[in-house]
Amino acid sequence: GVKHQYFGNDHWREHAPGLKTVEHALEMR
């Protein structure tokens, strides 16, 4: 599969979680 891409702005990941894994979903919730 694939993972999220922040188009060269990986530091956004801390403030903008994606939704590809269980951990992502639980963090988002």
mmCIF file of all heavy atoms, coordinates in Angstrom:
data_MODEL
# 
_entry.id   MODEL 
# 
loop_
_atom_site.group_PDB 
_atom_site.id 
_atom_site.type_symbol 
_atom_site.label_atom_id 
_atom_site.label_alt_id 
_atom_site.label_comp_id 
_atom_site.label_asym_id 
_atom_site.label_entity_id 
_atom_site.label_seq_id 
_atom_site.pdbx_PDB_ins_code 
_atom_site.Cartn_x 
_atom_site.Cartn_y 
_atom_site.Cartn_z 
_atom_site.occupancy 
_atom_site.B_iso_or_equiv 
_atom_site.pdbx_formal_charge 
_atom_site.auth_seq_id 
_atom_site.auth_comp_id 
_atom_site.auth_asym_id 
_atom_site.auth_atom_id 
_atom_site.pdbx_PDB_model_num 
ATOM 1   N N   . GLY A 1 1  ? 0.809   -1.214 0.000  1.00 0.00 ? 1  GLY A N   1 
ATOM 2   C CA  . GLY A 1 1  ? 0.000   0.000  0.000  1.00 0.00 ? 1  GLY A CA  1 
ATOM 3   C C   . GLY A 1 1  ? 0.841   1.262  0.000  1.00 0.00 ? 1  GLY A C   1 
ATOM 4   O O   . GLY A 1 1  ? 2.029   1.256  -0.351 1.00 0.00 ? 1  GLY A O   1 
ATOM 5   N N   . VAL A 1 2  ? 0.218   2.357  0.426  1.00 0.00 ? 2  VAL A N   1 
ATOM 6   C CA  . VAL A 1 2  ? 0.864   3.662  0.396  1.00 0.00 ? 2  VAL A CA  1 
ATOM 7   C C   . VAL A 1 2  ? 0.694   4.353  1.747  1.00 0.00 ? 2  VAL A C   1 
ATOM 8   O O   . VAL A 1 2  ? -0.015  3.868  2.616  1.00 0.00 ? 2  VAL A O   1 
ATOM 9   C CB  . VAL A 1 2  ? 0.255   4.552  -0.714 1.00 0.00 ? 2  VAL A CB  1 
ATOM 10  C CG1 . VAL A 1 2  ? 0.604   4.022  -2.085 1.00 0.00 ? 2  VAL A CG1 1 
ATOM 11  C CG2 . VAL A 1 2  ? -1.265  4.660  -0.551 1.00 0.00 ? 2  VAL A CG2 1 
ATOM 12  N N   . LYS A 1 3  ? 1.361   5.474  1.899  1.00 0.00 ? 3  LYS A N   1 
ATOM 13  C CA  . LYS A 1 3  ? 1.218   6.278  3.109  1.00 0.00 ? 3  LYS A CA  1 
ATOM 14  C C   . LYS A 1 3  ? 0.941   7.721  2.713  1.00 0.00 ? 3  LYS A C   1 
ATOM 15  O O   . LYS A 1 3  ? 1.006   8.079  1.536  1.00 0.00 ? 3  LYS A O   1 
ATOM 16  C CB  . LYS A 1 3  ? 2.465   6.187  3.984  1.00 0.00 ? 3  LYS A CB  1 
ATOM 17  C CG  . LYS A 1 3  ? 3.726   6.717  3.321  1.00 0.00 ? 3  LYS A CG  1 
ATOM 18  C CD  . LYS A 1 3  ? 4.908   6.586  4.256  1.00 0.00 ? 3  LYS A CD  1 
ATOM 19  C CE  . LYS A 1 3  ? 6.172   7.187  3.633  1.00 0.00 ? 3  LYS A CE  1 
ATOM 20  N NZ  . LYS A 1 3  ? 7.333   7.091  4.552  1.00 0.00 ? 3  LYS A NZ  1 
ATOM 21  N N   . HIS A 1 4  ? 0.657   8.557  3.697  1.00 0.00 ? 4  HIS A N   1 
ATOM 22  C CA  . HIS A 1 4  ? 0.320   9.941  3.402  1.00 0.00 ? 4  HIS A CA  1 
ATOM 23  C C   . HIS A 1 4  ? 1.510   10.728 2.880  1.00 0.00 ? 4  HIS A C   1 
ATOM 24  O O   . HIS A 1 4  ? 2.650   10.469 3.243  1.00 0.00 ? 4  HIS A O   1 
ATOM 25  C CB  . HIS A 1 4  ? -0.225  10.638 4.659  1.00 0.00 ? 4  HIS A CB  1 
ATOM 26  C CG  . HIS A 1 4  ? -1.605  10.205 5.008  1.00 0.00 ? 4  HIS A CG  1 
ATOM 27  N ND1 . HIS A 1 4  ? -1.871  9.415  6.088  1.00 0.00 ? 4  HIS A ND1 1 
ATOM 28  C CD2 . HIS A 1 4  ? -2.791  10.424 4.397  1.00 0.00 ? 4  HIS A CD2 1 
ATOM 29  C CE1 . HIS A 1 4  ? -3.169  9.172  6.129  1.00 0.00 ? 4  HIS A CE1 1 
ATOM 30  N NE2 . HIS A 1 4  ? -3.749  9.764  5.131  1.00 0.00 ? 4  HIS A NE2 1 
ATOM 31  N N   . GLN A 1 5  ? 1.205   11.684 2.037  1.00 0.00 ? 5  GLN A N   1 
ATOM 32  C CA  . GLN A 1 5  ? 2.226   12.577 1.519  1.00 0.00 ? 5  GLN A CA  1 
ATOM 33  C C   . GLN A 1 5  ? 1.839   14.014 1.871  1.00 0.00 ? 5  GLN A C   1 
ATOM 34  O O   . GLN A 1 5  ? 0.715   14.444 1.623  1.00 0.00 ? 5  GLN A O   1 
ATOM 35  C CB  . GLN A 1 5  ? 2.346   12.444 -0.003 1.00 0.00 ? 5  GLN A CB  1 
ATOM 36  C CG  . GLN A 1 5  ? 3.326   13.413 -0.605 1.00 0.00 ? 5  GLN A CG  1 
ATOM 37  C CD  . GLN A 1 5  ? 3.478   13.250 -2.099 1.00 0.00 ? 5  GLN A CD  1 
ATOM 38  O OE1 . GLN A 1 5  ? 4.521   13.511 -2.639 1.00 0.00 ? 5  GLN A OE1 1 
ATOM 39  N NE2 . GLN A 1 5  ? 2.429   12.805 -2.778 1.00 0.00 ? 5  GLN A NE2 1 
ATOM 40  N N   . TYR A 1 6  ? 2.787   14.738 2.431  1.00 0.00 ? 6  TYR A N   1 
ATOM 41  C CA  . TYR A 1 6  ? 2.547   16.129 2.804  1.00 0.00 ? 6  TYR A CA  1 
ATOM 42  C C   . TYR A 1 6  ? 3.252   17.094 1.853  1.00 0.00 ? 6  TYR A C   1 
ATOM 43  O O   . TYR A 1 6  ? 3.492   18.239 2.196  1.00 0.00 ? 6  TYR A O   1 
ATOM 44  C CB  . TYR A 1 6  ? 2.982   16.374 4.248  1.00 0.00 ? 6  TYR A CB  1 
ATOM 45  C CG  . TYR A 1 6  ? 2.080   15.689 5.259  1.00 0.00 ? 6  TYR A CG  1 
ATOM 46  C CD1 . TYR A 1 6  ? 2.264   14.354 5.591  1.00 0.00 ? 6  TYR A CD1 1 
ATOM 47  C CD2 . TYR A 1 6  ? 1.026   16.369 5.863  1.00 0.00 ? 6  TYR A CD2 1 
ATOM 48  C CE1 . TYR A 1 6  ? 1.434   13.718 6.503  1.00 0.00 ? 6  TYR A CE1 1 
ATOM 49  C CE2 . TYR A 1 6  ? 0.190   15.746 6.777  1.00 0.00 ? 6  TYR A CE2 1 
ATOM 50  C CZ  . TYR A 1 6  ? 0.397   14.419 7.089  1.00 0.00 ? 6  TYR A CZ  1 
ATOM 51  O OH  . TYR A 1 6  ? -0.429  13.792 7.989  1.00 0.00 ? 6  TYR A OH  1 
ATOM 52  N N   . PHE A 1 7  ? 3.590   16.577 0.667  1.00 0.00 ? 7  PHE A N   1 
ATOM 53  C CA  . PHE A 1 7  ? 4.138   17.404 -0.411 1.00 0.00 ? 7  PHE A CA  1 
ATOM 54  C C   . PHE A 1 7  ? 5.344   18.227 0.050  1.00 0.00 ? 7  PHE A C   1 
ATOM 55  O O   . PHE A 1 7  ? 5.433   19.431 -0.179 1.00 0.00 ? 7  PHE A O   1 
ATOM 56  C CB  . PHE A 1 7  ? 3.053   18.325 -0.988 1.00 0.00 ? 7  PHE A CB  1 
ATOM 57  C CG  . PHE A 1 7  ? 1.821   17.588 -1.427 1.00 0.00 ? 7  PHE A CG  1 
ATOM 58  C CD1 . PHE A 1 7  ? 0.654   17.643 -0.675 1.00 0.00 ? 7  PHE A CD1 1 
ATOM 59  C CD2 . PHE A 1 7  ? 1.833   16.803 -2.566 1.00 0.00 ? 7  PHE A CD2 1 
ATOM 60  C CE1 . PHE A 1 7  ? -0.481  16.944 -1.069 1.00 0.00 ? 7  PHE A CE1 1 
ATOM 61  C CE2 . PHE A 1 7  ? 0.704   16.100 -2.968 1.00 0.00 ? 7  PHE A CE2 1 
ATOM 62  C CZ  . PHE A 1 7  ? -0.449  16.173 -2.215 1.00 0.00 ? 7  PHE A CZ  1 
ATOM 63  N N   . GLY A 1 8  ? 6.282   17.526 0.702  1.00 0.00 ? 8  GLY A N   1 
ATOM 64  C CA  . GLY A 1 8  ? 7.503   18.190 1.125  1.00 0.00 ? 8  GLY A CA  1 
ATOM 65  C C   . GLY A 1 8  ? 7.390   18.939 2.438  1.00 0.00 ? 8  GLY A C   1 
ATOM 66  O O   . GLY A 1 8  ? 8.356   19.576 2.875  1.00 0.00 ? 8  GLY A O   1 
ATOM 67  N N   . ASN A 1 9  ? 6.231   18.865 3.084  1.00 0.00 ? 9  ASN A N   1 
ATOM 68  C CA  . ASN A 1 9  ? 6.018   19.573 4.360  1.00 0.00 ? 9  ASN A CA  1 
ATOM 69  C C   . ASN A 1 9  ? 5.740   18.558 5.472  1.00 0.00 ? 9  ASN A C   1 
ATOM 70  O O   . ASN A 1 9  ? 4.689   18.585 6.110  1.00 0.00 ? 9  ASN A O   1 
ATOM 71  C CB  . ASN A 1 9  ? 4.857   20.558 4.231  1.00 0.00 ? 9  ASN A CB  1 
ATOM 72  C CG  . ASN A 1 9  ? 5.097   21.607 3.170  1.00 0.00 ? 9  ASN A CG  1 
ATOM 73  O OD1 . ASN A 1 9  ? 5.869   22.535 3.358  1.00 0.00 ? 9  ASN A OD1 1 
ATOM 74  N ND2 . ASN A 1 9  ? 4.433   21.456 2.027  1.00 0.00 ? 9  ASN A ND2 1 
ATOM 75  N N   . ASP A 1 10 ? 6.698   17.674 5.695  1.00 0.00 ? 10 ASP A N   1 
ATOM 76  C CA  . ASP A 1 10 ? 6.478   16.599 6.661  1.00 0.00 ? 10 ASP A CA  1 
ATOM 77  C C   . ASP A 1 10 ? 6.244   17.110 8.074  1.00 0.00 ? 10 ASP A C   1 
ATOM 78  O O   . ASP A 1 10 ? 5.690   16.392 8.909  1.00 0.00 ? 10 ASP A O   1 
ATOM 79  C CB  . ASP A 1 10 ? 7.656   15.629 6.645  1.00 0.00 ? 10 ASP A CB  1 
ATOM 80  C CG  . ASP A 1 10 ? 7.684   14.770 5.383  1.00 0.00 ? 10 ASP A CG  1 
ATOM 81  O OD1 . ASP A 1 10 ? 6.652   14.747 4.678  1.00 0.00 ? 10 ASP A OD1 1 
ATOM 82  O OD2 . ASP A 1 10 ? 8.709   14.137 5.106  1.00 0.00 ? 10 ASP A OD2 1 
ATOM 83  N N   . HIS A 1 11 ? 6.672   18.342 8.366  1.00 0.00 ? 11 HIS A N   1 
ATOM 84  C CA  . HIS A 1 11 ? 6.436   18.897 9.700  1.00 0.00 ? 11 HIS A CA  1 
ATOM 85  C C   . HIS A 1 11 ? 4.954   19.167 9.946  1.00 0.00 ? 11 HIS A C   1 
ATOM 86  O O   . HIS A 1 11 ? 4.539   19.367 11.090 1.00 0.00 ? 11 HIS A O   1 
ATOM 87  C CB  . HIS A 1 11 ? 7.240   20.192 9.888  1.00 0.00 ? 11 HIS A CB  1 
ATOM 88  C CG  . HIS A 1 11 ? 6.936   21.256 8.876  1.00 0.00 ? 11 HIS A CG  1 
ATOM 89  N ND1 . HIS A 1 11 ? 7.399   21.186 7.572  1.00 0.00 ? 11 HIS A ND1 1 
ATOM 90  C CD2 . HIS A 1 11 ? 6.223   22.409 8.960  1.00 0.00 ? 11 HIS A CD2 1 
ATOM 91  C CE1 . HIS A 1 11 ? 6.979   22.256 6.904  1.00 0.00 ? 11 HIS A CE1 1 
ATOM 92  N NE2 . HIS A 1 11 ? 6.264   22.999 7.720  1.00 0.00 ? 11 HIS A NE2 1 
ATOM 93  N N   . TRP A 1 12 ? 4.138   19.157 8.881  1.00 0.00 ? 12 TRP A N   1 
ATOM 94  C CA  . TRP A 1 12 ? 2.692   19.319 9.067  1.00 0.00 ? 12 TRP A CA  1 
ATOM 95  C C   . TRP A 1 12 ? 2.073   18.102 9.745  1.00 0.00 ? 12 TRP A C   1 
ATOM 96  O O   . TRP A 1 12 ? 0.990   18.196 10.330 1.00 0.00 ? 12 TRP A O   1 
ATOM 97  C CB  . TRP A 1 12 ? 2.005   19.535 7.727  1.00 0.00 ? 12 TRP A CB  1 
ATOM 98  C CG  . TRP A 1 12 ? 2.310   20.842 7.068  1.00 0.00 ? 12 TRP A CG  1 
ATOM 99  C CD1 . TRP A 1 12 ? 3.052   21.872 7.561  1.00 0.00 ? 12 TRP A CD1 1 
ATOM 100 C CD2 . TRP A 1 12 ? 1.864   21.263 5.767  1.00 0.00 ? 12 TRP A CD2 1 
ATOM 101 N NE1 . TRP A 1 12 ? 3.102   22.912 6.652  1.00 0.00 ? 12 TRP A NE1 1 
ATOM 102 C CE2 . TRP A 1 12 ? 2.374   22.554 5.544  1.00 0.00 ? 12 TRP A CE2 1 
ATOM 103 C CE3 . TRP A 1 12 ? 1.088   20.669 4.778  1.00 0.00 ? 12 TRP A CE3 1 
ATOM 104 C CZ2 . TRP A 1 12 ? 2.135   23.265 4.369  1.00 0.00 ? 12 TRP A CZ2 1 
ATOM 105 C CZ3 . TRP A 1 12 ? 0.846   21.357 3.596  1.00 0.00 ? 12 TRP A CZ3 1 
ATOM 106 C CH2 . TRP A 1 12 ? 1.352   22.656 3.402  1.00 0.00 ? 12 TRP A CH2 1 
ATOM 107 N N   . ARG A 1 13 ? 2.748   16.969 9.627  1.00 0.00 ? 13 ARG A N   1 
ATOM 108 C CA  . ARG A 1 13 ? 2.187   15.714 10.142 1.00 0.00 ? 13 ARG A CA  1 
ATOM 109 C C   . ARG A 1 13 ? 1.804   15.824 11.624 1.00 0.00 ? 13 ARG A C   1 
ATOM 110 O O   . ARG A 1 13 ? 0.800   15.264 12.062 1.00 0.00 ? 13 ARG A O   1 
ATOM 111 C CB  . ARG A 1 13 ? 3.212   14.590 9.943  1.00 0.00 ? 13 ARG A CB  1 
ATOM 112 C CG  . ARG A 1 13 ? 2.697   13.195 10.229 1.00 0.00 ? 13 ARG A CG  1 
ATOM 113 C CD  . ARG A 1 13 ? 3.838   12.186 10.143 1.00 0.00 ? 13 ARG A CD  1 
ATOM 114 N NE  . ARG A 1 13 ? 4.542   12.304 8.879  1.00 0.00 ? 13 ARG A NE  1 
ATOM 115 C CZ  . ARG A 1 13 ? 4.220   11.667 7.761  1.00 0.00 ? 13 ARG A CZ  1 
ATOM 116 N NH1 . ARG A 1 13 ? 3.162   10.864 7.772  1.00 0.00 ? 13 ARG A NH1 1 
ATOM 117 N NH2 . ARG A 1 13 ? 4.912   11.815 6.668  1.00 0.00 ? 13 ARG A NH2 1 
ATOM 118 N N   . GLU A 1 14 ? 2.599   16.544 12.385 1.00 0.00 ? 14 GLU A N   1 
ATOM 119 C CA  . GLU A 1 14 ? 2.345   16.688 13.810 1.00 0.00 ? 14 GLU A CA  1 
ATOM 120 C C   . GLU A 1 14 ? 1.017   17.387 14.088 1.00 0.00 ? 14 GLU A C   1 
ATOM 121 O O   . GLU A 1 14 ? 0.337   17.082 15.057 1.00 0.00 ? 14 GLU A O   1 
ATOM 122 C CB  . GLU A 1 14 ? 3.488   17.485 14.450 1.00 0.00 ? 14 GLU A CB  1 
ATOM 123 C CG  . GLU A 1 14 ? 3.315   17.739 15.941 1.00 0.00 ? 14 GLU A CG  1 
ATOM 124 C CD  . GLU A 1 14 ? 4.414   18.618 16.504 1.00 0.00 ? 14 GLU A CD  1 
ATOM 125 O OE1 . GLU A 1 14 ? 5.355   18.975 15.754 1.00 0.00 ? 14 GLU A OE1 1 
ATOM 126 O OE2 . GLU A 1 14 ? 4.331   18.962 17.707 1.00 0.00 ? 14 GLU A OE2 1 
ATOM 127 N N   . HIS A 1 15 ? 0.643   18.319 13.219 1.00 0.00 ? 15 HIS A N   1 
ATOM 128 C CA  . HIS A 1 15 ? -0.569  19.108 13.442 1.00 0.00 ? 15 HIS A CA  1 
ATOM 129 C C   . HIS A 1 15 ? -1.757  18.634 12.600 1.00 0.00 ? 15 HIS A C   1 
ATOM 130 O O   . HIS A 1 15 ? -2.887  19.064 12.852 1.00 0.00 ? 15 HIS A O   1 
ATOM 131 C CB  . HIS A 1 15 ? -0.301  20.576 13.102 1.00 0.00 ? 15 HIS A CB  1 
ATOM 132 C CG  . HIS A 1 15 ? 0.939   21.126 13.748 1.00 0.00 ? 15 HIS A CG  1 
ATOM 133 N ND1 . HIS A 1 15 ? 1.107   21.135 15.112 1.00 0.00 ? 15 HIS A ND1 1 
ATOM 134 C CD2 . HIS A 1 15 ? 2.057   21.679 13.204 1.00 0.00 ? 15 HIS A CD2 1 
ATOM 135 C CE1 . HIS A 1 15 ? 2.290   21.671 15.389 1.00 0.00 ? 15 HIS A CE1 1 
ATOM 136 N NE2 . HIS A 1 15 ? 2.885   22.006 14.261 1.00 0.00 ? 15 HIS A NE2 1 
ATOM 137 N N   . ALA A 1 16 ? -1.499  17.784 11.607 1.00 0.00 ? 16 ALA A N   1 
ATOM 138 C CA  . ALA A 1 16 ? -2.570  17.351 10.703 1.00 0.00 ? 16 ALA A CA  1 
ATOM 139 C C   . ALA A 1 16 ? -2.481  15.843 10.478 1.00 0.00 ? 16 ALA A C   1 
ATOM 140 O O   . ALA A 1 16 ? -1.925  15.387 9.477  1.00 0.00 ? 16 ALA A O   1 
ATOM 141 C CB  . ALA A 1 16 ? -2.461  18.102 9.376  1.00 0.00 ? 16 ALA A CB  1 
ATOM 142 N N   . PRO A 1 17 ? -3.010  15.031 11.403 1.00 0.00 ? 17 PRO A N   1 
ATOM 143 C CA  . PRO A 1 17 ? -2.930  13.578 11.250 1.00 0.00 ? 17 PRO A CA  1 
ATOM 144 C C   . PRO A 1 17 ? -3.730  13.088 10.048 1.00 0.00 ? 17 PRO A C   1 
ATOM 145 O O   . PRO A 1 17 ? -4.762  13.655 9.697  1.00 0.00 ? 17 PRO A O   1 
ATOM 146 C CB  . PRO A 1 17 ? -3.523  13.055 12.566 1.00 0.00 ? 17 PRO A CB  1 
ATOM 147 C CG  . PRO A 1 17 ? -4.436  14.147 13.028 1.00 0.00 ? 17 PRO A CG  1 
ATOM 148 C CD  . PRO A 1 17 ? -3.762  15.424 12.605 1.00 0.00 ? 17 PRO A CD  1 
ATOM 149 N N   . GLY A 1 18 ? -3.215  12.032 9.425  1.00 0.00 ? 18 GLY A N   1 
ATOM 150 C CA  . GLY A 1 18 ? -3.922  11.427 8.303  1.00 0.00 ? 18 GLY A CA  1 
ATOM 151 C C   . GLY A 1 18 ? -4.780  10.264 8.774  1.00 0.00 ? 18 GLY A C   1 
ATOM 152 O O   . GLY A 1 18 ? -5.019  10.093 9.965  1.00 0.00 ? 18 GLY A O   1 
ATOM 153 N N   . LEU A 1 19 ? -5.209  9.441  7.817  1.00 0.00 ? 19 LEU A N   1 
ATOM 154 C CA  . LEU A 1 19 ? -6.140  8.362  8.169  1.00 0.00 ? 19 LEU A CA  1 
ATOM 155 C C   . LEU A 1 19 ? -5.837  7.119  7.332  1.00 0.00 ? 19 LEU A C   1 
ATOM 156 O O   . LEU A 1 19 ? -6.577  6.787  6.404  1.00 0.00 ? 19 LEU A O   1 
ATOM 157 C CB  . LEU A 1 19 ? -7.582  8.829  7.953  1.00 0.00 ? 19 LEU A CB  1 
ATOM 158 C CG  . LEU A 1 19 ? -8.695  7.986  8.588  1.00 0.00 ? 19 LEU A CG  1 
ATOM 159 C CD1 . LEU A 1 19 ? -8.511  7.880  10.091 1.00 0.00 ? 19 LEU A CD1 1 
ATOM 160 C CD2 . LEU A 1 19 ? -10.061 8.585  8.277  1.00 0.00 ? 19 LEU A CD2 1 
ATOM 161 N N   . LYS A 1 20 ? -4.737  6.441  7.670  1.00 0.00 ? 20 LYS A N   1 
ATOM 162 C CA  . LYS A 1 20 ? -4.362  5.229  6.952  1.00 0.00 ? 20 LYS A CA  1 
ATOM 163 C C   . LYS A 1 20 ? -4.248  4.011  7.862  1.00 0.00 ? 20 LYS A C   1 
ATOM 164 O O   . LYS A 1 20 ? -4.303  2.883  7.389  1.00 0.00 ? 20 LYS A O   1 
ATOM 165 C CB  . LYS A 1 20 ? -3.020  5.436  6.226  1.00 0.00 ? 20 LYS A CB  1 
ATOM 166 C CG  . LYS A 1 20 ? -3.109  6.247  4.939  1.00 0.00 ? 20 LYS A CG  1 
ATOM 167 C CD  . LYS A 1 20 ? -3.831  5.475  3.859  1.00 0.00 ? 20 LYS A CD  1 
ATOM 168 C CE  . LYS A 1 20 ? -3.875  6.256  2.549  1.00 0.00 ? 20 LYS A CE  1 
ATOM 169 N NZ  . LYS A 1 20 ? -4.670  5.535  1.525  1.00 0.00 ? 20 LYS A NZ  1 
ATOM 170 N N   . THR A 1 21 ? -4.062  4.237  9.165  1.00 0.00 ? 21 THR A N   1 
ATOM 171 C CA  . THR A 1 21 ? -3.850  3.130  10.096 1.00 0.00 ? 21 THR A CA  1 
ATOM 172 C C   . THR A 1 21 ? -4.794  3.251  11.287 1.00 0.00 ? 21 THR A C   1 
ATOM 173 O O   . THR A 1 21 ? -5.427  4.285  11.495 1.00 0.00 ? 21 THR A O   1 
ATOM 174 C CB  . THR A 1 21 ? -2.392  3.117  10.613 1.00 0.00 ? 21 THR A CB  1 
ATOM 175 O OG1 . THR A 1 21 ? -2.185  4.274  11.435 1.00 0.00 ? 21 THR A OG1 1 
ATOM 176 C CG2 . THR A 1 21 ? -1.397  3.130  9.458  1.00 0.00 ? 21 THR A CG2 1 
ATOM 177 N N   . VAL A 1 22 ? -4.836  2.188  12.082 1.00 0.00 ? 22 VAL A N   1 
ATOM 178 C CA  . VAL A 1 22 ? -5.626  2.205  13.314 1.00 0.00 ? 22 VAL A CA  1 
ATOM 179 C C   . VAL A 1 22 ? -5.151  3.312  14.236 1.00 0.00 ? 22 VAL A C   1 
ATOM 180 O O   . VAL A 1 22 ? -5.951  4.045  14.829 1.00 0.00 ? 22 VAL A O   1 
ATOM 181 C CB  . VAL A 1 22 ? -5.530  0.837  14.025 1.00 0.00 ? 22 VAL A CB  1 
ATOM 182 C CG1 . VAL A 1 22 ? -5.997  0.950  15.471 1.00 0.00 ? 22 VAL A CG1 1 
ATOM 183 C CG2 . VAL A 1 22 ? -6.360  -0.206 13.299 1.00 0.00 ? 22 VAL A CG2 1 
ATOM 184 N N   . GLU A 1 23 ? -3.826  3.445  14.333 1.00 0.00 ? 23 GLU A N   1 
ATOM 185 C CA  . GLU A 1 23 ? -3.265  4.473  15.202 1.00 0.00 ? 23 GLU A CA  1 
ATOM 186 C C   . GLU A 1 23 ? -3.688  5.861  14.745 1.00 0.00 ? 23 GLU A C   1 
ATOM 187 O O   . GLU A 1 23 ? -3.978  6.735  15.570 1.00 0.00 ? 23 GLU A O   1 
ATOM 188 C CB  . GLU A 1 23 ? -1.732  4.373  15.229 1.00 0.00 ? 23 GLU A CB  1 
ATOM 189 C CG  . GLU A 1 23 ? -1.191  3.174  15.977 1.00 0.00 ? 23 GLU A CG  1 
ATOM 190 C CD  . GLU A 1 23 ? -1.310  1.860  15.206 1.00 0.00 ? 23 GLU A CD  1 
ATOM 191 O OE1 . GLU A 1 23 ? -1.585  1.896  13.991 1.00 0.00 ? 23 GLU A OE1 1 
ATOM 192 O OE2 . GLU A 1 23 ? -1.133  0.798  15.818 1.00 0.00 ? 23 GLU A OE2 1 
ATOM 193 N N   . HIS A 1 24 ? -3.715  6.079  13.434 1.00 0.00 ? 24 HIS A N   1 
ATOM 194 C CA  . HIS A 1 24 ? -4.189  7.364  12.908 1.00 0.00 ? 24 HIS A CA  1 
ATOM 195 C C   . HIS A 1 24 ? -5.631  7.622  13.328 1.00 0.00 ? 24 HIS A C   1 
ATOM 196 O O   . HIS A 1 24 ? -5.982  8.727  13.759 1.00 0.00 ? 24 HIS A O   1 
ATOM 197 C CB  . HIS A 1 24 ? -4.116  7.371  11.376 1.00 0.00 ? 24 HIS A CB  1 
ATOM 198 C CG  . HIS A 1 24 ? -2.726  7.397  10.845 1.00 0.00 ? 24 HIS A CG  1 
ATOM 199 N ND1 . HIS A 1 24 ? -2.413  6.916  9.589  1.00 0.00 ? 24 HIS A ND1 1 
ATOM 200 C CD2 . HIS A 1 24 ? -1.555  7.830  11.383 1.00 0.00 ? 24 HIS A CD2 1 
ATOM 201 C CE1 . HIS A 1 24 ? -1.116  7.057  9.382  1.00 0.00 ? 24 HIS A CE1 1 
ATOM 202 N NE2 . HIS A 1 24 ? -0.580  7.609  10.455 1.00 0.00 ? 24 HIS A NE2 1 
ATOM 203 N N   . ALA A 1 25 ? -6.480  6.609  13.174 1.00 0.00 ? 25 ALA A N   1 
ATOM 204 C CA  . ALA A 1 25 ? -7.896  6.775  13.499 1.00 0.00 ? 25 ALA A CA  1 
ATOM 205 C C   . ALA A 1 25 ? -8.095  7.080  14.982 1.00 0.00 ? 25 ALA A C   1 
ATOM 206 O O   . ALA A 1 25 ? -8.904  7.940  15.347 1.00 0.00 ? 25 ALA A O   1 
ATOM 207 C CB  . ALA A 1 25 ? -8.682  5.519  13.105 1.00 0.00 ? 25 ALA A CB  1 
ATOM 208 N N   . LEU A 1 26 ? -7.345  6.379  15.843 1.00 0.00 ? 26 LEU A N   1 
ATOM 209 C CA  . LEU A 1 26 ? -7.481  6.610  17.273 1.00 0.00 ? 26 LEU A CA  1 
ATOM 210 C C   . LEU A 1 26 ? -6.939  7.974  17.674 1.00 0.00 ? 26 LEU A C   1 
ATOM 211 O O   . LEU A 1 26 ? -7.507  8.653  18.540 1.00 0.00 ? 26 LEU A O   1 
ATOM 212 C CB  . LEU A 1 26 ? -6.757  5.503  18.051 1.00 0.00 ? 26 LEU A CB  1 
ATOM 213 C CG  . LEU A 1 26 ? -7.361  4.097  17.903 1.00 0.00 ? 26 LEU A CG  1 
ATOM 214 C CD1 . LEU A 1 26 ? -6.536  3.074  18.673 1.00 0.00 ? 26 LEU A CD1 1 
ATOM 215 C CD2 . LEU A 1 26 ? -8.816  4.076  18.359 1.00 0.00 ? 26 LEU A CD2 1 
ATOM 216 N N   . GLU A 1 27 ? -5.847  8.389  17.034 1.00 0.00 ? 27 GLU A N   1 
ATOM 217 C CA  . GLU A 1 27 ? -5.319  9.727  17.313 1.00 0.00 ? 27 GLU A CA  1 
ATOM 218 C C   . GLU A 1 27 ? -6.320  10.796 16.884 1.00 0.00 ? 27 GLU A C   1 
ATOM 219 O O   . GLU A 1 27 ? -6.554  11.777 17.592 1.00 0.00 ? 27 GLU A O   1 
ATOM 220 C CB  . GLU A 1 27 ? -3.996  9.941  16.579 1.00 0.00 ? 27 GLU A CB  1 
ATOM 221 C CG  . GLU A 1 27 ? -3.416  11.335 16.798 1.00 0.00 ? 27 GLU A CG  1 
ATOM 222 C CD  . GLU A 1 27 ? -2.207  11.640 15.934 1.00 0.00 ? 27 GLU A CD  1 
ATOM 223 O OE1 . GLU A 1 27 ? -1.805  10.768 15.130 1.00 0.00 ? 27 GLU A OE1 1 
ATOM 224 O OE2 . GLU A 1 27 ? -1.682  12.758 16.041 1.00 0.00 ? 27 GLU A OE2 1 
ATOM 225 N N   . MET A 1 28 ? -6.919  10.589 15.710 1.00 0.00 ? 28 MET A N   1 
ATOM 226 C CA  . MET A 1 28 ? -7.886  11.554 15.207 1.00 0.00 ? 28 MET A CA  1 
ATOM 227 C C   . MET A 1 28 ? -9.100  11.619 16.126 1.00 0.00 ? 28 MET A C   1 
ATOM 228 O O   . MET A 1 28 ? -9.598  12.704 16.460 1.00 0.00 ? 28 MET A O   1 
ATOM 229 C CB  . MET A 1 28 ? -8.301  11.173 13.780 1.00 0.00 ? 28 MET A CB  1 
ATOM 230 C CG  . MET A 1 28 ? -9.038  12.256 13.029 1.00 0.00 ? 28 MET A CG  1 
ATOM 231 S SD  . MET A 1 28 ? -9.345  11.812 11.289 1.00 0.00 ? 28 MET A SD  1 
ATOM 232 C CE  . MET A 1 28 ? -7.714  11.985 10.583 1.00 0.00 ? 28 MET A CE  1 
ATOM 233 N N   . ARG A 1 29 ? -9.597  10.455 16.564 1.00 0.00 ? 29 ARG A N   1 
ATOM 234 C CA  . ARG A 1 29 ? -10.737 10.426 17.478 1.00 0.00 ? 29 ARG A CA  1 
ATOM 235 C C   . ARG A 1 29 ? -10.398 11.140 18.784 1.00 0.00 ? 29 ARG A C   1 
ATOM 236 O O   . ARG A 1 29 ? -11.209 11.916 19.318 1.00 0.00 ? 29 ARG A O   1 
ATOM 237 C CB  . ARG A 1 29 ? -11.141 8.978  17.763 1.00 0.00 ? 29 ARG A CB  1 
ATOM 238 C CG  . ARG A 1 29 ? -12.416 8.859  18.586 1.00 0.00 ? 29 ARG A CG  1 
ATOM 239 C CD  . ARG A 1 29 ? -12.795 7.418  18.829 1.00 0.00 ? 29 ARG A CD  1 
ATOM 240 N NE  . ARG A 1 29 ? -11.906 6.795  19.799 1.00 0.00 ? 29 ARG A NE  1 
ATOM 241 C CZ  . ARG A 1 29 ? -12.037 5.530  20.208 1.00 0.00 ? 29 ARG A CZ  1 
ATOM 242 N NH1 . ARG A 1 29 ? -12.991 4.771  19.711 1.00 0.00 ? 29 ARG A NH1 1 
ATOM 243 N NH2 . ARG A 1 29 ? -11.198 5.024  21.093 1.00 0.00 ? 29 ARG A NH2 1 
# 
